[in-house]
Amino acid sequence: MRSHRYRDVYTTAFETVRVKVRSELVERFPEPLRREALRQTGLHLAGSGSLDAFTARLVEQSEVTQDFGTGAVSHQHREHVQ
């Protein structure tokens, strides 16, 4: 990152989008998420809290989130912008 301010803004934006994606997935695709939870864990997720927690886990395991944690996303973004 070029500066701490840029990193903070980028991190805040990423976290905001991550939370929005998670809530939108739960809202738009509850049944496919429940089926995937059953497939992965063997558990039937009945409540919205458990579905949200499972979805948060999926988002955390996503390639984009993993790359963000290593700094690869910001590096790829800079290369794409330049």
C-alpha atoms as a PDB file:
ATOM      1  CA  MET A   1       0.000   0.000   0.000  1.00  0.00           C
ATOM      2  CA  ARG A   2       1.172   3.483  -0.752  1.00  0.00           C
ATOM      3  CA  SER A   3      -0.043   4.987   2.504  1.00  0.00           C
ATOM      4  CA  HIS A   4      -1.727   4.035   5.727  1.00  0.00           C
ATOM      5  CA  ARG A   5      -4.705   6.239   4.847  1.00  0.00           C
ATOM      6  CA  TYR A   6      -5.190   4.477   1.509  1.00  0.00           C
ATOM      7  CA  ARG A   7      -4.938   1.105   3.250  1.00  0.00           C
ATOM      8  CA  ASP A   8      -7.510   2.146   5.867  1.00  0.00           C
ATOM      9  CA  VAL A   9      -9.946   3.406   3.230  1.00  0.00           C
ATOM     10  CA  TYR A  10      -9.472   0.266   1.153  1.00  0.00           C
ATOM     11  CA  THR A  11      -9.919  -2.000   4.183  1.00  0.00           C
ATOM     12  CA  THR A  12     -13.073  -0.182   5.277  1.00  0.00           C
ATOM     13  CA  ALA A  13     -14.524  -0.406   1.769  1.00  0.00           C
ATOM     14  CA  PHE A  14     -13.705  -4.112   1.530  1.00  0.00           C
ATOM     15  CA  GLU A  15     -15.313  -4.847   4.903  1.00  0.00           C
ATOM     16  CA  THR A  16     -18.435  -2.882   3.946  1.00  0.00           C
ATOM     17  CA  VAL A  17     -18.820  -4.826   0.715  1.00  0.00           C
ATOM     18  CA  ARG A  18     -18.095  -8.137   2.436  1.00  0.00           C
ATOM     19  CA  VAL A  19     -20.923  -7.581   4.937  1.00  0.00           C
ATOM     20  CA  LYS A  20     -23.291  -6.431   2.166  1.00  0.00           C
ATOM     21  CA  VAL A  21     -22.502  -9.482   0.025  1.00  0.00           C
ATOM     22  CA  ARG A  22     -23.133 -11.794   2.948  1.00  0.00           C
ATOM     23  CA  SER A  23     -26.508 -10.255   3.789  1.00  0.00           C
ATOM     24  CA  GLU A  24     -27.563 -10.181   0.135  1.00  0.00           C
ATOM     25  CA  LEU A  25     -26.659 -13.853  -0.310  1.00  0.00           C
ATOM     26  CA  VAL A  26     -28.764 -14.805   2.712  1.00  0.00           C
ATOM     27  CA  GLU A  27     -31.668 -12.681   1.490  1.00  0.00           C
ATOM     28  CA  ARG A  28     -31.628 -13.834  -2.144  1.00  0.00           C
ATOM     29  CA  PHE A  29     -30.445 -17.452  -1.867  1.00  0.00           C
ATOM     30  CA  PRO A  30     -31.506 -18.913   1.495  1.00  0.00           C
ATOM     31  CA  GLU A  31     -32.505 -22.335   0.174  1.00  0.00           C
ATOM     32  CA  PRO A  32     -29.379 -22.973  -1.931  1.00  0.00           C
ATOM     33  CA  LEU A  33     -27.299 -21.880   1.082  1.00  0.00           C
ATOM     34  CA  ARG A  34     -29.204 -24.277   3.340  1.00  0.00           C
ATOM     35  CA  ARG A  35     -28.608 -27.112   0.856  1.00  0.00           C
ATOM     36  CA  GLU A  36     -24.903 -26.276   0.685  1.00  0.00           C
ATOM     37  CA  ALA A  37     -24.689 -26.180   4.477  1.00  0.00           C
ATOM     38  CA  LEU A  38     -26.323 -29.609   4.622  1.00  0.00           C
ATOM     39  CA  ARG A  39     -23.914 -30.909   1.978  1.00  0.00           C
ATOM     40  CA  GLN A  40     -20.814 -29.502   3.707  1.00  0.00           C
ATOM     41  CA  THR A  41     -21.704 -29.987   7.349  1.00  0.00           C
ATOM     42  CA  GLY A  42     -24.582 -32.463   7.513  1.00  0.00           C
ATOM     43  CA  LEU A  43     -26.557 -29.884   9.495  1.00  0.00           C
ATOM     44  CA  HIS A  44     -30.009 -28.493   8.723  1.00  0.00           C
ATOM     45  CA  LEU A  45     -29.815 -24.741   9.298  1.00  0.00           C
ATOM     46  CA  ALA A  46     -33.244 -23.647  10.482  1.00  0.00           C
ATOM     47  CA  GLY A  47     -32.640 -20.184  11.900  1.00  0.00           C
ATOM     48  CA  SER A  48     -31.477 -17.019  10.199  1.00  0.00           C
ATOM     49  CA  GLY A  49     -28.544 -16.691  12.614  1.00  0.00           C
ATOM     50  CA  SER A  50     -27.114 -20.073  11.705  1.00  0.00           C
ATOM     51  CA  LEU A  51     -27.607 -19.388   7.986  1.00  0.00           C
ATOM     52  CA  ASP A  52     -25.850 -16.035   8.353  1.00  0.00           C
ATOM     53  CA  ALA A  53     -22.955 -17.673  10.211  1.00  0.00           C
ATOM     54  CA  PHE A  54     -22.588 -20.345   7.518  1.00  0.00           C
ATOM     55  CA  THR A  55     -22.686 -17.677   4.791  1.00  0.00           C
ATOM     56  CA  ALA A  56     -20.053 -15.644   6.635  1.00  0.00           C
ATOM     57  CA  ARG A  57     -17.854 -18.757   6.613  1.00  0.00           C
ATOM     58  CA  LEU A  58     -18.341 -19.185   2.855  1.00  0.00           C
ATOM     59  CA  VAL A  59     -17.454 -15.550   2.219  1.00  0.00           C
ATOM     60  CA  GLU A  60     -14.369 -15.825   4.448  1.00  0.00           C
ATOM     61  CA  GLN A  61     -13.233 -18.901   2.516  1.00  0.00           C
ATOM     62  CA  SER A  62     -13.710 -17.217  -0.858  1.00  0.00           C
ATOM     63  CA  GLU A  63     -10.673 -16.582  -3.020  1.00  0.00           C
ATOM     64  CA  VAL A  64     -11.211 -12.822  -3.015  1.00  0.00           C
ATOM     65  CA  THR A  65     -11.374 -12.662   0.778  1.00  0.00           C
ATOM     66  CA  GLN A  66      -8.317 -14.886   1.114  1.00  0.00           C
ATOM     67  CA  ASP A  67      -6.406 -12.727  -1.374  1.00  0.00           C
ATOM     68  CA  PHE A  68      -7.428  -9.590   0.511  1.00  0.00           C
ATOM     69  CA  GLY A  69      -5.984 -11.043   3.695  1.00  0.00           C
ATOM     70  CA  THR A  70      -2.635 -11.593   2.002  1.00  0.00           C
ATOM     71  CA  GLY A  71      -2.643  -8.228   0.220  1.00  0.00           C
ATOM     72  CA  ALA A  72      -2.934  -9.865  -3.189  1.00  0.00           C
ATOM     73  CA  VAL A  73      -6.226  -8.106  -4.022  1.00  0.00           C
ATOM     74  CA  SER A  74      -4.815  -4.629  -3.550  1.00  0.00           C
ATOM     75  CA  HIS A  75      -1.730  -5.578  -5.565  1.00  0.00           C
ATOM     76  CA  GLN A  76      -3.876  -6.958  -8.402  1.00  0.00           C
ATOM     77  CA  HIS A  77      -6.086  -3.854  -8.265  1.00  0.00           C
ATOM     78  CA  ARG A  78      -3.078  -1.534  -8.602  1.00  0.00           C
ATOM     79  CA  GLU A  79      -1.787  -3.512 -11.600  1.00  0.00           C
ATOM     80  CA  HIS A  80      -5.223  -3.376 -13.255  1.00  0.00           C
ATOM     81  CA  VAL A  81      -5.596   0.384 -12.680  1.00  0.00           C
ATOM     82  CA  GLN A  82      -2.141   1.296 -13.981  1.00  0.00           C
END
